[in-house]
Amino acid sequence: MALESKSGLFTDEHGVARCAWCAATPAYRHYHDTEWGFAVTDDRRLFEKLCLEGFQAGLSWLTILNKREAFRRAFENFDAERVARFGDADVERLLQDTGIVRHRGKIASTINNARRALELADECGSLAAYAWRYELGPSSRPRRMTWAALQKMTSAPESVAMSKDLKRRGWSFVGPTTVYAFMQAMGLVNDHVEGCSVRAAATIAAEGITRRAAQ
């Protein structure tokens, strides 16, 4: 495996170039190749990602990724309608679940955000319809997504706007950096660096959603 720090790429034994951040483990590489940056319009997956990004605060994404199946079991596969019905007893139960991050504030936030997600879906038709309003435009992007540019991209005007609006609606653990990480993962922005073997496929996936929305 060859790491090219200046380009932000690493090349595996088969000559496939990927973003350098996923070099650490096979789990990261699989996530990078099949999920990160690919456009998502499924409300369950969008809600899950917003919740998991909240749980990640102060931790690494690899920690959350390794616990993701346990999180799914604990939170009813992130079905917002089911999670919205959780009460105090569920909070106490989840605080005993060693498979997840046992943080009372983040657990309570997930339950609260499930209720807010249902309200938002009622208003906007779906969580996806709401989220894709904030797809990043060209003016928020560097001309080329280089490694140096990516390291500076911790937020954008769109993530700031979405964060403010979600907070206004009563959501929690949705700061601009958290929201930007959500956007990166769910394909509202393509932050695969130039030269990454996945970048073109992620771009095509997002363009398909944009075209359908315009019809």
Foldseek 3Di string as FASTA:
>chain_A
DADDPQQQWGADPVRAIFGVVQPPDPLSVVLRQPFFQAADQDQQVLLLLLLLLLQCVVHDVVLSSQLVVVVCVLQVNSPLVVLLPDDPVSLVVQLPRPSGRNDSVSSVLSNQVSVLQVVVCVVQVHPSSVLLVLQDDPVFDDPFLGPVRLVVPQATPSLQVVLVVVVVSPHPSRHRSSSVSSCRRNNSDPNTGPPHPRRVVSVVSVVVVVVVVVD
